[in-house]
Every structure is written in structure tokens, then in C-alpha cells.
Amino acid sequence: MPTNRILIADDNPTNVELLDAYLAEVDCDLEIAIDGQDTLDKVAQFHPDLILLDIMMPKISGFEVCQKLKEDPATQGIMILMVTALNEPNDIQRAVEVGCDDFLSKPVQKVELLKRVSNLLKLRDVTDELERLRIYIANMEEDEN
């Protein structure tokens, strides 16, 4: 099974170091993005399975990045875990409205982060398999006609 690809998108080097250290026990390739535009650029180059996305970033906010990715058919399947210091109900609602798959409030707890990452990667795998089966069935039906 291929190694999962995780993109950490956060403009704070301390947060990046912490997330990187927590993810050390996850079998994955990691890439770092330092702002919203860098995140979009890295998505195009790195093709992550999961993005740990900070909301408050320079250039383009995490909300805007998430919305752009979820609106694009080429990237809408990427799992997005918003990791943020914002924890007001309207912030959480906005995160859900722009399409995030889950969210985690800072300060991040290692066990909670690892469990959410694991669950989102499993969901991504199941979703990918479901899509492969859908295509297979559609092809079988075409062959019958």
C-alpha cells in the first residue's frame, strides 16, 4: 500500500515543528506550506491525501484555501483537518461550510491528532476504493450494452 502524503500548512514554525514531531510515528511523506498560496502550490506539486490546515495564515486564509480545494473536482477528495486556535462556534461553522472534513483546536494533543489523522486517512482509503469500484461497475455495465 502506498505511503500516505500529509501536507502541514501553518505559518508558525513552532506549530509546524510540533505537528511534524507528533506525526513521526505515522508512516507518511510530509511536506510543509508556510502560507495559503504556498499551500495551494504544494497541493499541485505534492498531491497530499491529507492537509493539516491552519486557518489564520498570510496571503490566503485557511478558510479560502479549503473552499478552493473542495470546489475543484481535482482536489475535492483531499481530506482537510483544520488545526486552529479559533474555536468560536461561528468559526467551526464556517470551517464546516467551506468543506473541512474535521477540525482540531490548538493547543493540539498528540493522541487526539494521531487518532483524527488515522481516521481521515482510513476514510480517504475507503473513499478511493469506493470510487474504483464505481468506475469498475460502470465499465462492466458499458461492456454489457
Foldseek 3Di string as FASTA:
>chain_A
DDAAEEEEEEQDPVVVVVVCVLCPPGRHHYDYANFLVSVVVCCVVPVGQEYAAEQDGPPHGSLRSLLVQCVDPVRVNRAYEYEYQDDDPVVVVSSVVSPHPYYHYPPDDSVVVVVVVVVSSVVSVVVVVVVVVVVVVVVVVVVVD
